[in-house]
N, C-alpha and C. Protein backbone atom coordinates (compact mmCIF):
# COMPACT_ATOMS: atom_id res chain seq x y z
N UNK A 1 -39.29 20.02 44.63
CA UNK A 1 -37.92 19.49 44.46
C UNK A 1 -37.96 18.11 43.82
N UNK A 2 -38.93 17.28 44.28
CA UNK A 2 -39.06 15.94 43.73
C UNK A 2 -39.41 15.99 42.25
N UNK A 3 -40.34 16.90 41.90
CA UNK A 3 -40.73 17.03 40.50
C UNK A 3 -39.55 17.51 39.65
N UNK A 4 -38.76 18.43 40.23
CA UNK A 4 -37.60 18.94 39.50
C UNK A 4 -36.59 17.83 39.24
N UNK A 5 -36.38 16.97 40.25
CA UNK A 5 -35.44 15.85 40.10
C UNK A 5 -35.94 14.85 39.07
N UNK A 6 -37.25 14.57 39.11
CA UNK A 6 -37.83 13.65 38.14
C UNK A 6 -37.72 14.21 36.73
N UNK A 7 -37.95 15.53 36.62
CA UNK A 7 -37.84 16.17 35.32
C UNK A 7 -36.42 16.10 34.78
N UNK A 8 -35.46 16.36 35.66
CA UNK A 8 -34.06 16.28 35.25
C UNK A 8 -33.68 14.87 34.83
N UNK A 9 -34.18 13.88 35.60
CA UNK A 9 -33.91 12.48 35.27
C UNK A 9 -34.48 12.13 33.91
N UNK A 10 -35.68 12.65 33.61
CA UNK A 10 -36.31 12.38 32.32
C UNK A 10 -35.47 12.95 31.18
N UNK A 11 -34.97 14.18 31.38
CA UNK A 11 -34.15 14.80 30.34
C UNK A 11 -32.86 14.01 30.13
N UNK A 12 -32.23 13.61 31.24
CA UNK A 12 -30.99 12.83 31.13
C UNK A 12 -31.24 11.52 30.40
N UNK A 13 -32.34 10.83 30.74
CA UNK A 13 -32.67 9.56 30.09
C UNK A 13 -32.94 9.78 28.60
N UNK A 14 -33.63 10.86 28.29
CA UNK A 14 -33.95 11.15 26.89
C UNK A 14 -32.68 11.39 26.08
N UNK A 15 -31.75 12.17 26.66
CA UNK A 15 -30.48 12.43 25.99
C UNK A 15 -29.69 11.14 25.82
N UNK A 16 -29.71 10.29 26.85
CA UNK A 16 -29.00 9.01 26.79
C UNK A 16 -29.56 8.11 25.70
N UNK A 17 -30.89 8.07 25.59
CA UNK A 17 -31.53 7.25 24.55
C UNK A 17 -31.14 7.74 23.16
N UNK A 18 -31.19 9.06 23.00
CA UNK A 18 -30.80 9.62 21.70
C UNK A 18 -29.35 9.29 21.39
N UNK A 19 -28.47 9.39 22.40
CA UNK A 19 -27.04 9.09 22.22
C UNK A 19 -26.81 7.64 21.83
N UNK A 20 -27.50 6.73 22.54
CA UNK A 20 -27.30 5.31 22.27
C UNK A 20 -27.86 4.90 20.93
N UNK A 21 -28.85 5.62 20.45
CA UNK A 21 -29.48 5.25 19.18
C UNK A 21 -29.10 6.20 18.05
N UNK A 22 -28.10 7.02 18.28
CA UNK A 22 -27.71 7.99 17.27
C UNK A 22 -27.14 7.30 16.05
N UNK A 23 -27.27 7.94 14.93
CA UNK A 23 -26.68 7.44 13.70
C UNK A 23 -25.17 7.65 13.76
N UNK A 24 -24.42 6.59 13.66
CA UNK A 24 -22.97 6.69 13.76
C UNK A 24 -22.34 7.35 12.53
N UNK A 25 -23.20 7.63 11.52
CA UNK A 25 -22.69 8.27 10.32
C UNK A 25 -22.22 7.25 9.29
N UNK A 26 -22.27 7.66 8.03
CA UNK A 26 -21.85 6.78 6.97
C UNK A 26 -20.33 6.64 6.97
N UNK A 27 -19.87 5.48 6.50
CA UNK A 27 -18.44 5.27 6.34
C UNK A 27 -17.96 6.12 5.18
N UNK A 28 -16.85 6.81 5.38
CA UNK A 28 -16.31 7.67 4.32
C UNK A 28 -15.77 6.86 3.15
N UNK A 29 -15.61 7.52 2.02
CA UNK A 29 -15.08 6.88 0.82
C UNK A 29 -13.77 7.53 0.41
N UNK A 30 -12.90 6.73 -0.19
CA UNK A 30 -11.74 7.27 -0.89
C UNK A 30 -11.92 6.93 -2.36
N UNK A 31 -12.02 7.95 -3.17
CA UNK A 31 -12.34 7.81 -4.59
C UNK A 31 -11.08 7.98 -5.42
N UNK A 32 -10.69 6.93 -6.12
CA UNK A 32 -9.41 6.96 -6.83
C UNK A 32 -9.42 6.03 -8.02
N UNK A 33 -8.47 6.22 -8.89
CA UNK A 33 -8.09 5.25 -9.91
C UNK A 33 -6.63 5.52 -10.27
N UNK A 34 -6.00 4.57 -10.92
CA UNK A 34 -4.59 4.73 -11.26
C UNK A 34 -4.44 5.90 -12.22
N UNK A 35 -3.54 6.82 -11.87
CA UNK A 35 -3.34 8.00 -12.69
C UNK A 35 -4.13 9.21 -12.24
N UNK A 36 -4.99 9.06 -11.24
CA UNK A 36 -5.79 10.19 -10.78
C UNK A 36 -4.93 11.13 -9.95
N UNK A 37 -5.00 12.43 -10.20
CA UNK A 37 -4.22 13.38 -9.41
C UNK A 37 -4.62 13.37 -7.94
N UNK A 38 -3.63 13.53 -7.08
CA UNK A 38 -3.88 13.54 -5.64
C UNK A 38 -4.90 14.60 -5.26
N UNK A 39 -4.82 15.77 -5.87
CA UNK A 39 -5.75 16.85 -5.53
C UNK A 39 -7.19 16.46 -5.87
N UNK A 40 -7.38 15.62 -6.88
CA UNK A 40 -8.73 15.17 -7.23
C UNK A 40 -9.21 14.09 -6.27
N UNK A 41 -8.27 13.27 -5.75
CA UNK A 41 -8.64 12.30 -4.71
C UNK A 41 -9.15 13.05 -3.48
N UNK A 42 -8.46 14.13 -3.10
CA UNK A 42 -8.90 14.95 -1.96
C UNK A 42 -10.29 15.53 -2.23
N UNK A 43 -10.50 16.02 -3.42
CA UNK A 43 -11.76 16.68 -3.77
C UNK A 43 -12.94 15.71 -3.75
N UNK A 44 -12.73 14.50 -4.27
CA UNK A 44 -13.84 13.57 -4.47
C UNK A 44 -14.13 12.69 -3.26
N UNK A 45 -13.17 12.52 -2.37
CA UNK A 45 -13.32 11.58 -1.25
C UNK A 45 -14.00 12.25 -0.06
N UNK A 46 -14.78 11.45 0.68
CA UNK A 46 -15.35 11.94 1.94
C UNK A 46 -14.49 11.49 3.12
N UNK A 47 -13.59 10.54 2.92
CA UNK A 47 -12.62 10.16 3.94
C UNK A 47 -11.56 11.25 4.04
N UNK A 48 -11.06 11.56 5.26
CA UNK A 48 -10.06 12.63 5.41
C UNK A 48 -8.68 12.19 4.90
N UNK A 49 -8.53 12.15 3.59
CA UNK A 49 -7.32 11.64 2.97
C UNK A 49 -6.08 12.43 3.38
N UNK A 50 -6.20 13.74 3.40
CA UNK A 50 -5.03 14.58 3.65
C UNK A 50 -4.39 14.29 5.00
N UNK A 51 -5.21 14.11 6.03
CA UNK A 51 -4.66 13.88 7.37
C UNK A 51 -4.02 12.51 7.52
N UNK A 52 -4.31 11.59 6.59
CA UNK A 52 -3.75 10.24 6.65
C UNK A 52 -2.65 10.02 5.62
N UNK A 53 -2.19 11.09 5.00
CA UNK A 53 -1.19 10.97 3.94
C UNK A 53 0.19 11.34 4.44
N UNK A 54 1.15 10.45 4.22
CA UNK A 54 2.55 10.72 4.57
C UNK A 54 3.20 11.51 3.43
N UNK A 55 4.02 12.48 3.79
CA UNK A 55 4.66 13.34 2.81
C UNK A 55 6.16 13.03 2.74
N UNK A 56 6.72 13.08 1.56
CA UNK A 56 8.16 12.91 1.41
C UNK A 56 8.87 14.18 1.89
N UNK A 57 9.99 13.97 2.56
CA UNK A 57 10.75 15.10 3.11
C UNK A 57 11.58 15.77 2.03
N UNK A 58 10.89 16.38 1.08
CA UNK A 58 11.55 17.10 0.00
C UNK A 58 11.15 18.57 0.09
N UNK A 59 11.72 19.40 -0.75
CA UNK A 59 11.35 20.81 -0.80
C UNK A 59 10.93 21.16 -2.23
N UNK A 60 9.64 21.38 -2.48
CA UNK A 60 8.55 21.27 -1.49
C UNK A 60 8.21 19.81 -1.21
N UNK A 61 7.47 19.58 -0.14
CA UNK A 61 7.05 18.23 0.18
C UNK A 61 6.07 17.72 -0.87
N UNK A 62 6.13 16.41 -1.12
CA UNK A 62 5.20 15.80 -2.09
C UNK A 62 4.54 14.59 -1.44
N UNK A 63 3.40 14.23 -1.97
CA UNK A 63 2.64 13.11 -1.42
C UNK A 63 3.37 11.79 -1.67
N UNK A 64 3.50 10.98 -0.63
CA UNK A 64 4.15 9.68 -0.76
C UNK A 64 3.11 8.55 -0.75
N UNK A 65 2.31 8.50 0.31
CA UNK A 65 1.33 7.41 0.42
C UNK A 65 0.26 7.77 1.45
N UNK A 66 -0.92 7.23 1.25
CA UNK A 66 -2.01 7.37 2.20
C UNK A 66 -2.20 6.03 2.90
N UNK A 67 -2.19 6.05 4.24
CA UNK A 67 -2.33 4.84 5.04
C UNK A 67 -3.66 4.90 5.80
N UNK A 68 -4.48 3.90 5.61
CA UNK A 68 -5.82 3.91 6.20
C UNK A 68 -5.96 2.73 7.15
N UNK A 69 -6.32 3.01 8.39
CA UNK A 69 -6.50 1.96 9.40
C UNK A 69 -7.84 2.11 10.13
N UNK A 70 -8.74 2.87 9.56
CA UNK A 70 -10.09 3.02 10.11
C UNK A 70 -11.08 2.76 8.98
N UNK A 71 -12.34 2.47 9.30
CA UNK A 71 -13.28 2.06 8.24
C UNK A 71 -13.39 3.05 7.09
N UNK A 72 -13.35 2.51 5.89
CA UNK A 72 -13.44 3.32 4.67
C UNK A 72 -13.98 2.42 3.56
N UNK A 73 -14.57 3.04 2.56
CA UNK A 73 -15.00 2.34 1.36
C UNK A 73 -14.12 2.82 0.20
N UNK A 74 -13.47 1.88 -0.48
CA UNK A 74 -12.61 2.22 -1.61
C UNK A 74 -13.46 2.18 -2.88
N UNK A 75 -13.52 3.34 -3.54
CA UNK A 75 -14.23 3.45 -4.82
C UNK A 75 -13.20 3.63 -5.94
N UNK A 76 -13.13 2.65 -6.81
CA UNK A 76 -12.27 2.77 -7.99
C UNK A 76 -13.13 3.44 -9.05
N UNK A 77 -12.91 4.75 -9.26
CA UNK A 77 -13.90 5.55 -9.98
C UNK A 77 -13.61 5.75 -11.46
N UNK A 78 -12.95 4.79 -12.09
CA UNK A 78 -12.84 4.81 -13.54
C UNK A 78 -14.26 4.75 -14.11
N UNK A 79 -14.61 5.64 -15.06
CA UNK A 79 -15.99 5.70 -15.54
C UNK A 79 -16.47 4.45 -16.27
N UNK A 80 -15.55 3.68 -16.81
CA UNK A 80 -15.93 2.47 -17.55
C UNK A 80 -15.64 1.19 -16.78
N UNK A 81 -14.56 1.16 -16.03
CA UNK A 81 -14.12 -0.08 -15.39
C UNK A 81 -14.09 0.03 -13.86
N UNK A 82 -14.89 0.95 -13.34
CA UNK A 82 -14.88 1.19 -11.91
C UNK A 82 -15.64 0.15 -11.11
N UNK A 83 -15.41 0.16 -9.81
CA UNK A 83 -16.09 -0.74 -8.88
C UNK A 83 -15.99 -0.15 -7.48
N UNK A 84 -16.87 -0.59 -6.62
CA UNK A 84 -16.86 -0.15 -5.23
C UNK A 84 -16.69 -1.37 -4.34
N UNK A 85 -15.62 -1.41 -3.57
CA UNK A 85 -15.32 -2.55 -2.72
C UNK A 85 -16.09 -2.46 -1.40
N UNK A 86 -16.31 -3.60 -0.74
CA UNK A 86 -16.92 -3.58 0.59
C UNK A 86 -16.04 -2.81 1.58
N UNK A 87 -16.62 -2.34 2.69
CA UNK A 87 -15.84 -1.57 3.67
C UNK A 87 -14.62 -2.32 4.16
N UNK A 88 -13.58 -1.56 4.48
CA UNK A 88 -12.33 -2.11 4.96
C UNK A 88 -11.78 -1.25 6.09
N UNK A 89 -10.83 -1.79 6.81
CA UNK A 89 -10.08 -1.00 7.79
C UNK A 89 -8.60 -0.95 7.42
N UNK A 90 -8.28 -1.38 6.20
CA UNK A 90 -6.89 -1.34 5.76
C UNK A 90 -6.83 -0.97 4.28
N UNK A 91 -6.05 0.06 3.97
CA UNK A 91 -5.75 0.41 2.58
C UNK A 91 -4.48 1.25 2.56
N UNK A 92 -3.70 1.07 1.51
CA UNK A 92 -2.51 1.88 1.28
C UNK A 92 -2.55 2.36 -0.16
N UNK A 93 -2.39 3.66 -0.34
CA UNK A 93 -2.40 4.24 -1.68
C UNK A 93 -1.03 4.88 -1.91
N UNK A 94 -0.40 4.55 -3.04
CA UNK A 94 0.89 5.13 -3.39
C UNK A 94 0.74 6.20 -4.46
N UNK A 95 1.64 7.19 -4.42
CA UNK A 95 1.59 8.29 -5.39
C UNK A 95 2.96 8.49 -6.04
N UNK A 96 2.94 8.97 -7.25
CA UNK A 96 4.15 9.35 -7.96
C UNK A 96 3.85 10.54 -8.84
N UNK A 97 4.65 11.58 -8.72
CA UNK A 97 4.45 12.82 -9.48
C UNK A 97 3.04 13.36 -9.30
N UNK A 98 2.54 13.24 -8.05
CA UNK A 98 1.24 13.82 -7.73
C UNK A 98 0.04 13.04 -8.20
N UNK A 99 0.26 11.78 -8.64
CA UNK A 99 -0.85 10.96 -9.13
C UNK A 99 -0.83 9.58 -8.46
N UNK A 100 -2.00 8.93 -8.39
CA UNK A 100 -2.10 7.59 -7.83
C UNK A 100 -1.36 6.62 -8.74
N UNK A 101 -0.44 5.84 -8.16
CA UNK A 101 0.30 4.83 -8.93
C UNK A 101 -0.16 3.42 -8.60
N UNK A 102 -0.66 3.19 -7.39
CA UNK A 102 -1.08 1.86 -6.99
C UNK A 102 -1.87 1.96 -5.69
N UNK A 103 -2.60 0.93 -5.39
CA UNK A 103 -3.21 0.82 -4.06
C UNK A 103 -3.39 -0.64 -3.71
N UNK A 104 -3.47 -0.89 -2.40
CA UNK A 104 -3.69 -2.23 -1.89
C UNK A 104 -4.67 -2.15 -0.74
N UNK A 105 -5.57 -3.12 -0.67
CA UNK A 105 -6.55 -3.12 0.40
C UNK A 105 -7.04 -4.54 0.65
N UNK A 106 -7.60 -4.76 1.83
CA UNK A 106 -8.32 -5.99 2.13
C UNK A 106 -9.78 -5.59 2.31
N UNK A 107 -10.64 -5.89 1.34
CA UNK A 107 -12.00 -5.36 1.33
C UNK A 107 -12.94 -6.08 2.31
N UNK A 108 -12.61 -5.99 3.59
CA UNK A 108 -13.39 -6.62 4.65
C UNK A 108 -12.98 -5.97 5.97
N UNK A 109 -13.87 -5.96 6.92
CA UNK A 109 -13.59 -5.31 8.20
C UNK A 109 -12.89 -6.24 9.18
N UNK A 110 -12.93 -7.55 8.93
CA UNK A 110 -12.28 -8.51 9.80
C UNK A 110 -12.04 -9.79 9.04
N UNK A 111 -11.17 -10.64 9.56
CA UNK A 111 -10.97 -11.95 8.95
C UNK A 111 -12.26 -12.75 9.06
N UNK A 112 -12.47 -13.66 8.11
CA UNK A 112 -13.73 -14.40 8.06
C UNK A 112 -13.50 -15.90 8.00
N UNK A 113 -14.44 -16.69 8.53
CA UNK A 113 -14.39 -18.13 8.28
C UNK A 113 -14.67 -18.41 6.82
N UNK A 114 -14.30 -19.58 6.37
CA UNK A 114 -14.35 -19.89 4.94
C UNK A 114 -15.75 -19.77 4.37
N UNK A 115 -16.77 -20.23 5.11
CA UNK A 115 -18.13 -20.20 4.58
C UNK A 115 -18.68 -18.79 4.42
N UNK A 116 -18.09 -17.81 5.12
CA UNK A 116 -18.47 -16.41 4.92
C UNK A 116 -17.58 -15.72 3.90
N UNK A 117 -16.38 -16.24 3.73
CA UNK A 117 -15.46 -15.68 2.75
C UNK A 117 -15.95 -15.90 1.32
N UNK A 118 -16.48 -17.09 1.04
CA UNK A 118 -16.84 -17.45 -0.32
C UNK A 118 -17.90 -16.53 -0.93
N UNK A 119 -19.00 -16.20 -0.24
CA UNK A 119 -19.96 -15.26 -0.83
C UNK A 119 -19.34 -13.89 -1.12
N UNK A 120 -18.45 -13.44 -0.25
CA UNK A 120 -17.77 -12.16 -0.48
C UNK A 120 -16.86 -12.24 -1.69
N UNK A 121 -16.08 -13.30 -1.80
CA UNK A 121 -15.20 -13.49 -2.95
C UNK A 121 -16.00 -13.56 -4.24
N UNK A 122 -17.10 -14.29 -4.22
CA UNK A 122 -17.95 -14.42 -5.41
C UNK A 122 -18.52 -13.06 -5.81
N UNK A 123 -18.96 -12.28 -4.82
CA UNK A 123 -19.49 -10.94 -5.10
C UNK A 123 -18.44 -10.05 -5.76
N UNK A 124 -17.22 -10.07 -5.23
CA UNK A 124 -16.15 -9.23 -5.78
C UNK A 124 -15.82 -9.66 -7.20
N UNK A 125 -15.72 -10.96 -7.44
CA UNK A 125 -15.40 -11.46 -8.78
C UNK A 125 -16.46 -11.06 -9.79
N UNK A 126 -17.73 -11.24 -9.43
CA UNK A 126 -18.81 -10.91 -10.36
C UNK A 126 -18.84 -9.41 -10.65
N UNK A 127 -18.56 -8.60 -9.65
CA UNK A 127 -18.52 -7.15 -9.83
C UNK A 127 -17.40 -6.77 -10.80
N UNK A 128 -16.23 -7.39 -10.64
CA UNK A 128 -15.11 -7.08 -11.53
C UNK A 128 -15.39 -7.55 -12.95
N UNK A 129 -15.97 -8.72 -13.09
CA UNK A 129 -16.31 -9.22 -14.43
C UNK A 129 -17.27 -8.28 -15.14
N UNK A 130 -18.26 -7.78 -14.40
CA UNK A 130 -19.25 -6.88 -15.01
C UNK A 130 -18.65 -5.53 -15.37
N UNK A 131 -17.49 -5.20 -14.76
CA UNK A 131 -16.82 -3.94 -15.06
C UNK A 131 -15.74 -4.10 -16.14
N UNK A 132 -15.65 -5.30 -16.72
CA UNK A 132 -14.76 -5.50 -17.86
C UNK A 132 -13.40 -6.07 -17.55
N UNK A 133 -13.15 -6.44 -16.29
CA UNK A 133 -11.86 -7.04 -15.94
C UNK A 133 -11.80 -8.46 -16.47
N UNK A 134 -10.63 -8.86 -16.95
CA UNK A 134 -10.45 -10.21 -17.50
C UNK A 134 -9.23 -10.85 -16.83
N UNK A 135 -9.17 -12.19 -16.93
CA UNK A 135 -8.01 -12.91 -16.40
C UNK A 135 -6.82 -12.72 -17.34
N UNK A 136 -5.65 -12.52 -16.77
CA UNK A 136 -4.45 -12.33 -17.58
C UNK A 136 -4.09 -13.60 -18.33
N UNK A 137 -4.35 -14.76 -17.72
CA UNK A 137 -3.99 -16.04 -18.33
C UNK A 137 -5.26 -16.79 -18.72
N UNK A 138 -5.24 -17.39 -19.90
CA UNK A 138 -6.40 -18.13 -20.37
C UNK A 138 -6.56 -19.48 -19.72
N UNK A 139 -5.46 -20.02 -19.15
CA UNK A 139 -5.55 -21.33 -18.53
C UNK A 139 -5.93 -21.17 -17.05
N UNK A 140 -5.81 -22.24 -16.30
CA UNK A 140 -6.22 -22.23 -14.89
C UNK A 140 -5.27 -21.41 -14.02
N UNK A 141 -4.05 -21.23 -14.45
CA UNK A 141 -3.04 -20.57 -13.62
C UNK A 141 -3.39 -19.10 -13.40
N UNK A 142 -3.54 -18.73 -12.16
CA UNK A 142 -3.81 -17.34 -11.78
C UNK A 142 -5.05 -16.76 -12.47
N UNK A 143 -6.02 -17.60 -12.75
CA UNK A 143 -7.27 -17.14 -13.35
C UNK A 143 -8.30 -16.92 -12.26
N UNK A 144 -9.55 -16.70 -12.64
CA UNK A 144 -10.62 -16.49 -11.67
C UNK A 144 -10.72 -17.66 -10.70
N UNK A 145 -11.13 -17.36 -9.48
CA UNK A 145 -11.33 -18.42 -8.49
C UNK A 145 -12.58 -19.22 -8.83
N UNK A 146 -12.44 -20.55 -8.80
CA UNK A 146 -13.60 -21.42 -9.01
C UNK A 146 -14.25 -21.71 -7.67
N UNK A 147 -15.47 -21.25 -7.48
CA UNK A 147 -16.16 -21.45 -6.20
C UNK A 147 -17.60 -21.90 -6.41
N UNK A 148 -17.94 -22.30 -7.64
CA UNK A 148 -19.33 -22.63 -7.94
C UNK A 148 -19.81 -23.92 -7.26
N UNK A 149 -18.97 -24.94 -7.26
CA UNK A 149 -19.39 -26.24 -6.74
C UNK A 149 -18.76 -26.50 -5.38
N UNK A 150 -19.32 -27.48 -4.69
CA UNK A 150 -18.77 -27.87 -3.39
C UNK A 150 -17.36 -28.40 -3.53
N UNK A 151 -17.11 -29.14 -4.60
CA UNK A 151 -15.77 -29.68 -4.81
C UNK A 151 -14.76 -28.57 -5.09
N UNK A 152 -15.18 -27.53 -5.83
CA UNK A 152 -14.30 -26.38 -6.09
C UNK A 152 -13.93 -25.69 -4.78
N UNK A 153 -14.93 -25.47 -3.95
CA UNK A 153 -14.69 -24.77 -2.69
C UNK A 153 -13.82 -25.60 -1.75
N UNK A 154 -14.07 -26.89 -1.72
CA UNK A 154 -13.28 -27.78 -0.87
C UNK A 154 -11.82 -27.81 -1.31
N UNK A 155 -11.61 -27.84 -2.63
CA UNK A 155 -10.23 -27.86 -3.16
C UNK A 155 -9.51 -26.55 -2.82
N UNK A 156 -10.22 -25.43 -2.93
CA UNK A 156 -9.61 -24.15 -2.61
C UNK A 156 -9.26 -24.07 -1.13
N UNK A 157 -10.17 -24.50 -0.28
CA UNK A 157 -9.91 -24.44 1.15
C UNK A 157 -8.71 -25.30 1.54
N UNK A 158 -8.62 -26.48 0.96
CA UNK A 158 -7.49 -27.36 1.24
C UNK A 158 -6.17 -26.72 0.80
N UNK A 159 -6.18 -26.09 -0.38
CA UNK A 159 -4.96 -25.46 -0.91
C UNK A 159 -4.54 -24.26 -0.05
N UNK A 160 -5.50 -23.53 0.48
CA UNK A 160 -5.19 -22.34 1.27
C UNK A 160 -4.48 -22.66 2.58
N UNK A 161 -4.60 -23.87 3.05
CA UNK A 161 -3.85 -24.25 4.25
C UNK A 161 -2.34 -24.27 3.99
N UNK A 162 -1.97 -24.41 2.70
CA UNK A 162 -0.55 -24.52 2.34
C UNK A 162 0.01 -23.27 1.69
N UNK A 163 -0.84 -22.47 1.05
CA UNK A 163 -0.32 -21.31 0.32
C UNK A 163 -1.45 -20.32 0.02
N UNK A 164 -1.06 -19.09 -0.23
CA UNK A 164 -2.01 -18.10 -0.74
C UNK A 164 -2.28 -18.41 -2.21
N UNK A 165 -3.47 -18.06 -2.67
CA UNK A 165 -3.86 -18.31 -4.06
C UNK A 165 -4.24 -16.97 -4.68
N UNK A 166 -3.77 -16.72 -5.90
CA UNK A 166 -3.99 -15.41 -6.51
C UNK A 166 -4.58 -15.54 -7.91
N UNK A 167 -5.29 -14.50 -8.30
CA UNK A 167 -5.78 -14.34 -9.67
C UNK A 167 -5.19 -13.06 -10.22
N UNK A 168 -4.65 -13.12 -11.44
CA UNK A 168 -4.08 -11.94 -12.11
C UNK A 168 -5.12 -11.43 -13.10
N UNK A 169 -5.59 -10.20 -12.89
CA UNK A 169 -6.67 -9.64 -13.69
C UNK A 169 -6.22 -8.37 -14.38
N UNK A 170 -6.91 -8.03 -15.48
CA UNK A 170 -6.48 -6.91 -16.31
C UNK A 170 -7.64 -6.09 -16.84
N UNK A 171 -7.37 -4.83 -17.04
CA UNK A 171 -8.00 -4.02 -18.07
C UNK A 171 -6.86 -3.77 -19.05
N UNK A 172 -6.79 -4.52 -20.16
CA UNK A 172 -5.60 -4.48 -21.02
C UNK A 172 -5.14 -3.07 -21.38
N UNK A 173 -3.82 -2.88 -21.28
CA UNK A 173 -3.15 -1.62 -21.61
C UNK A 173 -3.50 -0.49 -20.64
N UNK A 174 -4.16 -0.83 -19.54
CA UNK A 174 -4.56 0.23 -18.62
C UNK A 174 -4.28 -0.13 -17.16
N UNK A 175 -4.92 -1.17 -16.63
CA UNK A 175 -4.79 -1.54 -15.23
C UNK A 175 -4.45 -3.01 -15.07
N UNK A 176 -3.74 -3.33 -14.01
CA UNK A 176 -3.50 -4.70 -13.61
C UNK A 176 -3.91 -4.88 -12.16
N UNK A 177 -4.41 -6.06 -11.84
CA UNK A 177 -4.87 -6.33 -10.48
C UNK A 177 -4.40 -7.70 -10.02
N UNK A 178 -4.02 -7.77 -8.76
CA UNK A 178 -3.75 -9.04 -8.10
C UNK A 178 -4.85 -9.25 -7.06
N UNK A 179 -5.64 -10.28 -7.25
CA UNK A 179 -6.71 -10.65 -6.31
C UNK A 179 -6.24 -11.89 -5.58
N UNK A 180 -6.01 -11.75 -4.28
CA UNK A 180 -5.37 -12.81 -3.50
C UNK A 180 -6.27 -13.26 -2.36
N UNK A 181 -6.34 -14.57 -2.15
CA UNK A 181 -7.03 -15.14 -1.00
C UNK A 181 -6.00 -15.91 -0.18
N UNK A 182 -6.04 -15.73 1.13
CA UNK A 182 -5.05 -16.43 1.97
C UNK A 182 -5.65 -16.77 3.32
N UNK A 183 -5.15 -17.87 3.88
CA UNK A 183 -5.48 -18.20 5.26
C UNK A 183 -4.62 -17.31 6.14
N UNK A 184 -5.25 -16.66 7.12
CA UNK A 184 -4.55 -15.63 7.88
C UNK A 184 -4.35 -15.99 9.35
N UNK A 185 -5.29 -16.72 9.93
CA UNK A 185 -5.21 -17.01 11.37
C UNK A 185 -5.60 -18.45 11.65
N UNK A 186 -4.88 -19.07 12.57
CA UNK A 186 -5.10 -20.45 13.01
C UNK A 186 -5.02 -21.44 11.85
N UNK A 187 -4.13 -21.15 10.94
CA UNK A 187 -3.99 -21.99 9.75
C UNK A 187 -3.27 -23.30 10.04
N UNK A 188 -2.32 -23.26 10.97
CA UNK A 188 -1.53 -24.45 11.28
C UNK A 188 -2.38 -25.57 11.85
N UNK A 189 -3.52 -25.22 12.42
CA UNK A 189 -4.41 -26.25 12.96
C UNK A 189 -5.06 -27.08 11.86
N UNK A 190 -5.12 -26.49 10.64
CA UNK A 190 -5.73 -27.14 9.48
C UNK A 190 -7.16 -27.58 9.80
N UNK A 191 -7.85 -26.74 10.53
CA UNK A 191 -9.24 -27.02 10.91
C UNK A 191 -10.15 -26.02 10.20
N UNK A 192 -11.00 -26.47 9.27
CA UNK A 192 -11.88 -25.55 8.54
C UNK A 192 -12.79 -24.73 9.45
N UNK A 193 -13.04 -25.21 10.65
CA UNK A 193 -13.97 -24.52 11.54
C UNK A 193 -13.32 -23.38 12.33
N UNK A 194 -12.00 -23.39 12.44
CA UNK A 194 -11.32 -22.36 13.23
C UNK A 194 -10.47 -21.42 12.40
N UNK A 195 -10.07 -21.82 11.20
CA UNK A 195 -9.21 -20.97 10.36
C UNK A 195 -9.96 -19.71 9.93
N UNK A 196 -9.21 -18.63 9.77
CA UNK A 196 -9.79 -17.36 9.33
C UNK A 196 -9.02 -16.86 8.11
N UNK A 197 -9.73 -16.19 7.20
CA UNK A 197 -9.20 -15.89 5.88
C UNK A 197 -9.30 -14.41 5.55
N UNK A 198 -8.44 -13.97 4.60
CA UNK A 198 -8.44 -12.61 4.11
C UNK A 198 -8.43 -12.60 2.58
N UNK A 199 -9.02 -11.56 2.03
CA UNK A 199 -8.90 -11.25 0.60
C UNK A 199 -8.05 -10.00 0.49
N UNK A 200 -7.07 -10.02 -0.40
CA UNK A 200 -6.26 -8.83 -0.69
C UNK A 200 -6.49 -8.41 -2.14
N UNK A 201 -6.59 -7.11 -2.35
CA UNK A 201 -6.73 -6.55 -3.69
C UNK A 201 -5.61 -5.54 -3.90
N UNK A 202 -4.82 -5.73 -4.94
CA UNK A 202 -3.77 -4.78 -5.29
C UNK A 202 -3.92 -4.34 -6.73
N UNK A 203 -3.89 -3.04 -6.98
CA UNK A 203 -4.12 -2.51 -8.33
C UNK A 203 -3.02 -1.54 -8.71
N UNK A 204 -2.55 -1.65 -9.94
CA UNK A 204 -1.56 -0.72 -10.49
C UNK A 204 -1.75 -0.65 -11.99
N UNK A 205 -0.69 -0.28 -12.71
CA UNK A 205 -0.75 -0.25 -14.16
C UNK A 205 -0.68 -1.68 -14.72
N UNK A 206 -1.13 -1.83 -15.95
CA UNK A 206 -1.00 -3.11 -16.65
C UNK A 206 0.36 -3.16 -17.32
N UNK A 207 1.17 -4.13 -16.86
CA UNK A 207 2.50 -4.33 -17.45
C UNK A 207 2.58 -5.65 -18.23
N UNK A 208 1.43 -6.19 -18.60
CA UNK A 208 1.41 -7.51 -19.23
C UNK A 208 1.74 -7.49 -20.71
N UNK A 209 1.66 -6.31 -21.35
CA UNK A 209 1.88 -6.19 -22.80
C UNK A 209 0.85 -6.95 -23.61
N UNK A 210 -0.32 -7.17 -23.05
CA UNK A 210 -1.38 -7.85 -23.81
C UNK A 210 -2.11 -6.87 -24.70
């Protein structure tokens, strides 16, 4: 009886160890670009898009928007200007006539302190530049974020206590993007050590006429 109990305990412990160390699985992806048919988003994505999509109450029903509040990776799968954003727990995809018209996401799993935000922002900017995205304006207004020097970063952090800061980016005649950085939590304290920040990415058609 004692041996049987010890054997059972060993099996239970073994199962528990396997459970605690199990692979939680890869984060799913939603693969899209502006103009991509909804049926192709379903086909290409590993995230369960269909179950998270709200339908318009029409006859027949049509896709309205996909709302994501669990971890996902957004892949903008344009063959020439595509990019893959860091994991997020927030994304909204809009549809019109069965095709993607726009999407918005915060490419991070949680708000970050400023010193952790900057490397992420720099990574996203460099990725977009390498994919052919350009600033809509040639001057400083709504152009790429300057984060190279300590003075650049300090100026940005000071400005974020008062307002969100955005960059307007383009793939001319095809896509437009709003890349926004904002102070999100404990901003009123104006303390760089306690404030927390978010990056927002919004993509739609290019309406700049450039």
